[in-house]
């Protein structure tokens, strides 16, 4: 007796959802510019991957910033010559910088917030120079000098990456 043939599933996977609704957020209204980010975050030069903050909601533990992906960045000539793609590690770094800004500026943590880990990472779309990548962040928990935030990157309305960032106060 042969096993019954499997029928194709009629259930399509649900598309990923944004951490929160951004439709009522003015993504062009800069609350904290690059200089204000520098006053909080220590990264400089090639390691600055957060250009501005456009939304902060302390009651809901939410923040939105952006990174302008430029064609003169250090990785462009070597990360797929002729077809430059923003490295995933830089996407994660931009999310970590957003989470660090939130932790220090909004929550008031003092000192250096070190990168403690990353979980549940997914890269969903390619990001190329000339794009503005909006980064959404939401604090999940904080305890014992550690914090956990979910972050997502969006380019032209499409989710390009998501991750859970862990930070440690040092």
Protein backbone atom coordinates (compact mmCIF):
# COMPACT_ATOMS: atom_id res chain seq x y z
CA UNK A 1 0.00 0.00 0.00
CA UNK A 2 1.43 3.35 -1.01
CA UNK A 3 1.38 6.29 1.37
CA UNK A 4 -1.13 8.98 0.51
CA UNK A 5 0.27 11.76 -1.62
CA UNK A 6 0.77 15.01 0.19
CA UNK A 7 -1.35 17.87 -0.95
CA UNK A 8 0.33 21.23 -1.33
CA UNK A 9 -0.47 23.52 1.55
CA UNK A 10 -2.88 26.29 0.73
CA UNK A 11 -1.52 28.30 3.64
CA UNK A 12 1.08 30.82 2.62
CA UNK A 13 3.43 32.08 5.31
CA UNK A 14 2.40 35.41 6.76
CA UNK A 15 4.61 38.28 5.68
CA UNK A 16 6.73 39.66 8.51
CA UNK A 17 5.19 42.51 10.45
CA UNK A 18 6.81 45.71 11.59
CA UNK A 19 7.53 46.07 15.30
CA UNK A 20 4.98 48.88 15.39
CA UNK A 21 2.90 51.06 13.08
CA UNK A 22 4.95 53.90 11.62
CA UNK A 23 2.25 55.33 9.33
CA UNK A 24 1.62 58.31 11.63
CA UNK A 25 5.30 59.10 12.22
CA UNK A 26 6.86 61.98 10.29
CA UNK A 27 9.99 60.19 9.07
CA UNK A 28 11.43 63.48 7.75
CA UNK A 29 11.25 65.33 11.07
CA UNK A 30 14.68 64.99 12.68
CA UNK A 31 14.57 65.06 16.49
CA UNK A 32 18.28 64.32 16.96
CA UNK A 33 20.73 64.97 14.14
CA UNK A 34 24.14 63.37 13.62
CA UNK A 35 25.81 65.77 16.07
CA UNK A 36 23.24 64.92 18.76
CA UNK A 37 23.82 61.20 18.11
CA UNK A 38 27.57 61.79 18.54
CA UNK A 39 26.93 63.38 21.93
CA UNK A 40 25.48 60.04 23.09
CA UNK A 41 27.16 57.30 21.01
CA UNK A 42 30.97 56.90 20.92
CA UNK A 43 31.36 55.56 17.35
CA UNK A 44 33.28 57.77 14.93
CA UNK A 45 34.42 57.77 11.33
CA UNK A 46 33.77 54.60 9.37
CA UNK A 47 31.95 53.07 12.34
CA UNK A 48 29.19 55.71 12.56
CA UNK A 49 26.08 53.99 11.20
CA UNK A 50 23.27 56.09 12.66
CA UNK A 51 22.59 59.46 11.03
CA UNK A 52 19.49 60.74 12.84
CA UNK A 53 16.62 59.97 15.19
CA UNK A 54 13.13 60.84 13.91
CA UNK A 55 10.85 59.38 16.59
CA UNK A 56 11.03 58.52 20.28
CA UNK A 57 8.14 57.13 22.32
CA UNK A 58 9.35 56.52 25.90
CA UNK A 59 5.94 55.25 27.06
CA UNK A 60 5.95 52.43 24.47
CA UNK A 61 9.77 52.00 24.54
CA UNK A 62 10.04 52.76 20.82
CA UNK A 63 12.51 54.65 18.67
CA UNK A 64 13.05 55.24 14.94
CA UNK A 65 16.25 56.46 13.33
CA UNK A 66 17.92 56.18 9.97
CA UNK A 67 21.15 55.45 8.19
CA UNK A 68 21.82 57.00 4.80
CA UNK A 69 23.67 54.36 2.80
CA UNK A 70 26.29 56.29 0.80
CA UNK A 71 28.36 55.27 -2.19
CA UNK A 72 31.57 56.58 -0.55
CA UNK A 73 31.46 54.20 2.44
CA UNK A 74 34.51 52.03 3.13
CA UNK A 75 32.82 48.74 2.20
CA UNK A 76 31.49 49.77 -1.23
CA UNK A 77 34.57 48.93 -3.38
CA UNK A 78 35.04 45.47 -1.89
CA UNK A 79 31.65 44.14 -0.85
CA UNK A 80 30.57 42.71 -4.18
CA UNK A 81 32.55 44.83 -6.70
CA UNK A 82 30.27 46.25 -9.36
CA UNK A 83 27.22 45.45 -7.25
CA UNK A 84 27.77 46.90 -3.77
CA UNK A 85 25.54 45.48 -1.04
CA UNK A 86 25.39 46.80 2.51
CA UNK A 87 26.93 44.06 4.67
CA UNK A 88 24.55 42.44 7.13
CA UNK A 89 26.96 43.08 9.97
CA UNK A 90 26.62 46.83 9.33
CA UNK A 91 22.83 46.53 9.35
CA UNK A 92 23.12 44.89 12.78
CA UNK A 93 25.59 47.55 13.92
CA UNK A 94 23.17 50.31 12.91
CA UNK A 95 20.47 48.62 14.99
CA UNK A 96 22.86 48.29 17.93
CA UNK A 97 23.73 51.99 17.70
CA UNK A 98 20.02 52.87 17.70
CA UNK A 99 19.46 50.66 20.77
CA UNK A 100 22.47 52.20 22.52
CA UNK A 101 21.21 55.73 21.81
CA UNK A 102 17.80 54.83 23.24
CA UNK A 103 19.33 53.19 26.32
CA UNK A 104 21.50 56.18 27.16
CA UNK A 105 19.35 59.13 26.01
CA UNK A 106 15.86 57.90 26.92
CA UNK A 107 16.47 55.44 29.75
CA UNK A 108 19.35 57.45 31.19
CA UNK A 109 21.93 54.70 31.51
CA UNK A 110 25.44 56.03 32.13
CA UNK A 111 28.76 54.89 30.76
CA UNK A 112 29.54 52.62 27.86
CA UNK A 113 26.88 50.22 26.56
CA UNK A 114 28.71 47.27 25.01
CA UNK A 115 27.42 44.86 22.41
CA UNK A 116 26.34 41.77 24.33
CA UNK A 117 24.93 39.60 21.57
CA UNK A 118 22.47 39.23 18.75
CA UNK A 119 19.63 36.73 18.30
CA UNK A 120 16.95 35.92 15.74
CA UNK A 121 18.66 37.65 12.81
CA UNK A 122 17.07 37.60 9.38
CA UNK A 123 18.17 39.43 6.26
CA UNK A 124 15.25 39.84 3.89
CA UNK A 125 16.29 42.26 1.13
CA UNK A 126 19.43 43.74 -0.39
CA UNK A 127 20.40 47.29 0.55
CA UNK A 128 22.46 49.36 -1.88
CA UNK A 129 24.10 52.80 -1.83
CA UNK A 130 21.67 55.66 -2.30
CA UNK A 131 19.08 54.19 0.07
CA UNK A 132 17.85 55.55 3.36
CA UNK A 133 17.41 52.68 5.79
CA UNK A 134 14.99 53.47 8.59
CA UNK A 135 15.70 51.54 11.76
CA UNK A 136 12.91 50.71 14.21
CA UNK A 137 13.76 49.75 17.76
CA UNK A 138 11.72 48.57 20.71
CA UNK A 139 12.99 47.75 24.18
CA UNK A 140 11.89 44.28 25.28
CA UNK A 141 13.44 44.06 28.74
CA UNK A 142 16.18 45.48 30.94
CA UNK A 143 17.71 44.03 34.11
CA UNK A 144 21.03 43.55 35.87
CA UNK A 145 22.86 46.07 33.65
CA UNK A 146 21.64 44.29 30.51
CA UNK A 147 19.07 45.33 27.94
CA UNK A 148 17.33 43.60 25.04
CA UNK A 149 15.84 45.44 22.05
CA UNK A 150 14.21 44.23 18.87
CA UNK A 151 15.32 46.15 15.78
CA UNK A 152 14.23 46.18 12.15
CA UNK A 153 15.52 47.94 9.03
CA UNK A 154 13.18 49.27 6.36
CA UNK A 155 14.06 50.55 2.88
CA UNK A 156 11.34 51.95 0.60
CA UNK A 157 8.68 50.43 2.84
CA UNK A 158 10.19 46.93 2.68
CA UNK A 159 11.61 45.07 5.68
CA UNK A 160 15.29 44.42 4.95
CA UNK A 161 16.53 42.97 8.23
CA UNK A 162 15.46 42.18 11.76
CA UNK A 163 17.36 41.18 14.88
CA UNK A 164 17.27 41.10 18.65
CA UNK A 165 20.15 43.10 20.14
CA UNK A 166 21.55 42.55 23.63
CA UNK A 167 23.50 45.33 25.33
CA UNK A 168 25.56 45.36 28.51
CA UNK A 169 26.45 48.34 30.66
CA UNK A 170 30.22 48.39 31.13
